[in-house]
N, C-alpha and C. Protein backbone atom coordinates (compact mmCIF):
# COMPACT_ATOMS: atom_id res chain seq x y z
N UNK A 1 -187.47 -185.17 63.63
CA UNK A 1 -185.60 -185.41 63.18
C UNK A 1 -184.95 -185.33 64.44
N UNK A 2 -184.23 -186.57 64.37
CA UNK A 2 -182.92 -186.61 65.71
C UNK A 2 -181.89 -185.73 65.11
N UNK A 3 -181.21 -184.84 66.04
CA UNK A 3 -179.82 -184.74 65.51
C UNK A 3 -178.95 -185.94 66.11
N UNK A 4 -177.91 -186.03 64.89
CA UNK A 4 -177.18 -187.13 65.37
C UNK A 4 -175.54 -186.59 65.92
N UNK A 5 -175.41 -187.32 66.86
CA UNK A 5 -174.15 -187.01 67.80
C UNK A 5 -173.28 -188.05 67.85
N UNK A 6 -172.18 -187.99 67.96
CA UNK A 6 -170.95 -189.06 68.41
C UNK A 6 -170.18 -188.60 69.64
N UNK A 7 -170.25 -189.88 70.49
CA UNK A 7 -169.17 -189.23 71.60
C UNK A 7 -168.76 -190.93 72.11
N UNK A 8 -168.15 -190.70 73.48
CA UNK A 8 -167.79 -192.16 73.89
C UNK A 8 -168.78 -192.72 74.25
N UNK A 9 -168.73 -194.14 74.66
CA UNK A 9 -169.77 -194.91 75.40
C UNK A 9 -169.48 -194.70 76.84
N UNK A 10 -168.17 -194.37 77.07
CA UNK A 10 -167.90 -193.78 78.55
C UNK A 10 -168.76 -192.66 79.06
N UNK A 11 -169.01 -191.57 78.03
CA UNK A 11 -169.73 -190.30 78.43
C UNK A 11 -170.96 -190.59 78.62
N UNK A 12 -171.53 -191.45 77.87
CA UNK A 12 -173.36 -192.10 77.88
C UNK A 12 -172.97 -192.75 79.32
N UNK A 13 -172.73 -193.17 79.65
CA UNK A 13 -172.68 -194.22 80.91
C UNK A 13 -172.40 -193.27 82.11
N UNK A 14 -171.47 -192.50 82.03
CA UNK A 14 -171.57 -191.52 83.14
C UNK A 14 -172.92 -190.72 83.47
N UNK A 15 -173.30 -189.97 81.98
CA UNK A 15 -174.32 -189.27 82.42
C UNK A 15 -175.68 -190.19 82.47
N UNK A 16 -175.26 -191.27 82.38
CA UNK A 16 -176.94 -191.71 82.48
C UNK A 16 -177.14 -192.50 84.10
N UNK A 17 -175.69 -192.49 84.27
CA UNK A 17 -175.81 -193.05 86.02
C UNK A 17 -175.97 -191.76 86.96
N UNK A 18 -175.89 -190.41 86.14
CA UNK A 18 -176.85 -189.30 87.19
C UNK A 18 -177.88 -189.01 87.20
N UNK A 19 -178.91 -189.52 85.92
CA UNK A 19 -180.51 -189.92 86.41
C UNK A 19 -180.81 -190.68 86.80
N UNK A 20 -181.90 -190.02 88.00
CA UNK A 20 -182.68 -191.33 88.57
C UNK A 20 -183.48 -192.20 88.03
N UNK A 21 -183.06 -193.23 88.76
CA UNK A 21 -183.96 -194.58 87.79
C UNK A 21 -185.19 -194.42 87.63
N UNK A 22 -186.10 -194.06 88.29
CA UNK A 22 -187.55 -193.66 87.89
C UNK A 22 -187.24 -192.86 86.61
N UNK A 23 -186.82 -192.19 86.43
CA UNK A 23 -186.66 -191.16 85.07
C UNK A 23 -186.27 -192.24 84.05
N UNK A 24 -185.52 -193.09 84.03
CA UNK A 24 -185.08 -193.78 82.80
C UNK A 24 -185.88 -194.34 82.02
N UNK A 25 -187.31 -194.70 82.35
CA UNK A 25 -187.95 -195.13 81.86
C UNK A 25 -187.67 -197.19 81.73
N UNK A 26 -188.24 -197.71 80.89
CA UNK A 26 -188.35 -199.33 81.20
C UNK A 26 -187.50 -199.79 79.50
N UNK A 27 -187.12 -200.69 79.32
CA UNK A 27 -186.13 -201.21 78.74
C UNK A 27 -187.27 -201.35 77.56
N UNK A 28 -188.42 -202.04 77.51
CA UNK A 28 -189.48 -202.09 76.86
C UNK A 28 -190.02 -200.45 76.16
N UNK A 29 -189.56 -199.71 76.57
CA UNK A 29 -190.16 -198.30 76.28
C UNK A 29 -188.68 -198.05 75.17
N UNK A 30 -189.03 -197.84 74.25
CA UNK A 30 -187.96 -197.68 73.19
C UNK A 30 -187.86 -196.50 72.81
N UNK A 31 -188.92 -195.51 73.20
CA UNK A 31 -189.21 -194.31 72.58
C UNK A 31 -188.80 -192.63 73.80
N UNK A 32 -188.45 -193.54 74.95
CA UNK A 32 -188.41 -192.67 76.36
C UNK A 32 -187.17 -191.60 75.84
N UNK A 33 -187.50 -190.62 76.12
CA UNK A 33 -186.03 -189.53 75.93
C UNK A 33 -185.82 -189.22 77.48
N UNK A 34 -184.58 -189.31 77.39
CA UNK A 34 -183.78 -188.94 78.64
C UNK A 34 -183.04 -187.68 78.61
N UNK A 35 -183.58 -186.69 79.76
CA UNK A 35 -182.66 -185.28 79.72
C UNK A 35 -181.35 -185.31 79.66
N UNK A 36 -180.29 -184.90 78.70
CA UNK A 36 -178.81 -184.67 79.03
C UNK A 36 -178.36 -183.42 79.62
N UNK A 37 -179.54 -182.29 79.62
CA UNK A 37 -179.14 -180.91 79.91
C UNK A 37 -178.01 -180.58 80.79
N UNK A 38 -177.83 -181.86 81.98
CA UNK A 38 -176.74 -181.13 82.51
C UNK A 38 -175.31 -182.21 81.88
N UNK A 39 -175.13 -182.23 80.76
CA UNK A 39 -174.16 -183.08 80.11
C UNK A 39 -172.54 -182.03 80.63
N UNK A 40 -172.75 -180.81 80.53
CA UNK A 40 -171.53 -180.16 80.64
C UNK A 40 -171.09 -180.23 82.28
N UNK A 41 -171.85 -180.84 83.20
CA UNK A 41 -171.56 -180.52 84.61
C UNK A 41 -171.22 -182.00 84.91
N UNK A 42 -171.27 -182.97 84.25
CA UNK A 42 -170.73 -184.44 84.75
C UNK A 42 -169.45 -184.80 83.55
N UNK A 43 -169.81 -184.40 82.45
CA UNK A 43 -168.69 -184.58 81.08
C UNK A 43 -167.37 -183.43 80.81
N UNK A 44 -166.46 -184.01 80.68
CA UNK A 44 -165.38 -182.84 79.91
C UNK A 44 -166.14 -183.54 78.37
N UNK A 45 -165.83 -184.16 78.00
CA UNK A 45 -165.84 -184.67 76.69
C UNK A 45 -167.10 -183.85 76.24
N UNK A 46 -167.15 -183.37 74.68
CA UNK A 46 -168.19 -182.53 74.02
C UNK A 46 -168.86 -183.44 72.87
N UNK A 47 -170.08 -183.84 73.04
CA UNK A 47 -170.30 -184.72 71.56
C UNK A 47 -170.06 -184.25 70.57
N UNK A 48 -169.72 -184.87 69.37
CA UNK A 48 -169.30 -184.21 68.02
C UNK A 48 -171.02 -184.30 67.26
N UNK A 49 -171.34 -183.28 66.67
CA UNK A 49 -172.59 -183.16 66.11
C UNK A 49 -171.97 -183.82 64.36
N UNK A 50 -172.69 -184.81 64.14
CA UNK A 50 -172.48 -185.63 63.28
C UNK A 50 -173.64 -185.10 61.82
N UNK A 51 -174.96 -184.69 62.45
CA UNK A 51 -176.06 -184.58 61.42
C UNK A 51 -176.76 -183.48 62.01
N UNK A 52 -177.41 -182.33 61.26
CA UNK A 52 -178.28 -181.59 61.79
C UNK A 52 -178.00 -180.45 62.30
N UNK A 53 -176.76 -179.83 61.86
CA UNK A 53 -175.92 -178.41 62.05
C UNK A 53 -176.92 -177.58 61.56
N UNK A 54 -177.72 -177.68 60.25
CA UNK A 54 -178.88 -176.62 60.19
C UNK A 54 -179.89 -176.26 60.69
N UNK A 55 -180.41 -177.29 61.55
CA UNK A 55 -181.41 -177.56 62.56
C UNK A 55 -181.24 -176.72 63.77
N UNK A 56 -180.00 -177.17 63.96
CA UNK A 56 -179.34 -176.32 65.49
C UNK A 56 -179.31 -174.97 65.19
N UNK A 57 -179.11 -174.37 63.82
CA UNK A 57 -178.62 -172.94 63.88
C UNK A 57 -179.76 -172.34 63.45
N UNK A 58 -180.81 -173.28 62.72
CA UNK A 58 -182.15 -172.73 62.77
C UNK A 58 -183.47 -172.13 64.09
N UNK A 59 -182.91 -173.04 65.15
CA UNK A 59 -183.37 -173.14 66.33
C UNK A 59 -182.56 -171.59 67.20
N UNK A 60 -181.21 -171.62 66.98
CA UNK A 60 -180.32 -170.56 67.78
C UNK A 60 -181.40 -169.35 67.44
N UNK A 61 -181.24 -168.85 65.63
CA UNK A 61 -182.06 -168.17 65.36
C UNK A 61 -183.39 -167.69 65.65
N UNK A 62 -184.33 -168.64 65.67
CA UNK A 62 -185.38 -168.94 65.89
C UNK A 62 -185.53 -168.07 67.60
N UNK A 63 -184.66 -168.54 68.60
CA UNK A 63 -184.81 -168.19 69.63
C UNK A 63 -184.12 -166.78 69.90
N UNK A 64 -183.27 -166.32 69.00
CA UNK A 64 -183.11 -164.94 69.24
C UNK A 64 -184.08 -164.19 68.59
N UNK A 65 -184.73 -164.33 67.59
CA UNK A 65 -185.98 -163.57 67.19
C UNK A 65 -187.07 -163.28 67.85
N UNK A 66 -187.08 -164.54 68.37
CA UNK A 66 -188.63 -164.64 69.52
C UNK A 66 -188.23 -164.23 70.60
N UNK A 67 -186.75 -163.73 70.95
CA UNK A 67 -186.50 -163.32 72.36
C UNK A 67 -186.87 -164.72 73.58
N UNK A 68 -186.81 -165.75 73.31
CA UNK A 68 -187.18 -166.69 73.71
C UNK A 68 -186.35 -167.39 74.66
N UNK A 69 -186.73 -168.28 75.89
CA UNK A 69 -186.05 -168.52 76.87
C UNK A 69 -184.49 -169.01 76.29
N UNK A 70 -183.67 -169.23 76.76
CA UNK A 70 -182.34 -169.99 75.68
C UNK A 70 -182.24 -171.55 76.36
N UNK A 71 -183.29 -171.45 77.32
CA UNK A 71 -183.33 -173.39 78.19
C UNK A 71 -183.87 -173.73 76.98
N UNK A 72 -184.61 -172.87 75.92
CA UNK A 72 -185.81 -173.90 75.00
C UNK A 72 -184.25 -173.92 73.89
N UNK A 73 -183.48 -173.95 73.75
CA UNK A 73 -182.08 -174.72 72.88
C UNK A 73 -181.77 -176.17 73.12
N UNK A 74 -182.94 -177.37 73.11
CA UNK A 74 -182.49 -178.40 72.95
C UNK A 74 -182.93 -179.36 71.84
N UNK A 75 -182.85 -180.27 71.75
CA UNK A 75 -182.84 -180.92 70.38
C UNK A 75 -183.02 -182.68 70.89
N UNK A 76 -183.73 -183.80 70.73
CA UNK A 76 -183.86 -184.94 70.83
C UNK A 76 -182.63 -185.56 69.89
N UNK A 77 -181.76 -186.15 70.39
CA UNK A 77 -180.61 -186.91 69.65
C UNK A 77 -180.57 -188.17 69.70
N UNK A 78 -179.71 -188.60 68.80
CA UNK A 78 -179.42 -190.00 68.52
C UNK A 78 -177.82 -190.45 68.94
N UNK A 79 -177.54 -190.87 69.79
CA UNK A 79 -175.79 -191.28 69.98
C UNK A 79 -175.22 -192.20 69.34
N UNK A 80 -174.25 -191.71 68.86
CA UNK A 80 -173.41 -192.88 68.19
C UNK A 80 -171.80 -192.82 68.75
N UNK A 81 -171.57 -194.55 69.49
CA UNK A 81 -169.84 -194.48 69.66
C UNK A 81 -169.16 -194.61 68.97
N UNK A 82 -168.41 -193.35 69.18
CA UNK A 82 -167.30 -193.04 68.46
C UNK A 82 -165.92 -193.92 68.70
N UNK A 83 -166.25 -194.70 69.61
CA UNK A 83 -165.17 -195.81 69.55
C UNK A 83 -165.60 -196.90 68.74
N UNK A 84 -166.96 -197.22 68.10
CA UNK A 84 -167.29 -198.47 67.64
C UNK A 84 -167.16 -198.51 66.10
N UNK A 85 -166.64 -199.24 65.66
CA UNK A 85 -166.89 -199.60 64.13
C UNK A 85 -167.85 -198.93 63.29
N UNK A 86 -168.04 -198.22 62.38
CA UNK A 86 -168.96 -198.04 61.73
C UNK A 86 -169.88 -199.20 61.02
């Protein structure tokens, strides 16, 4: 299950422009996942969490309880353009 977030299209374009073309996948590969782990280094805008708050908190709790690497705190997201009409 994806986490749904919203942000500006400009923020998405900005982060994608920092990903090497070889790591972007092909247009035919609709399920290719891009890593946005460096989002805060590229964008001042924070994505707004629209759905999935409970899964995020459960993941944080799991990492705390198991003393896992905080680098494991990631989830696959669907991004929605907050400037677009629903």
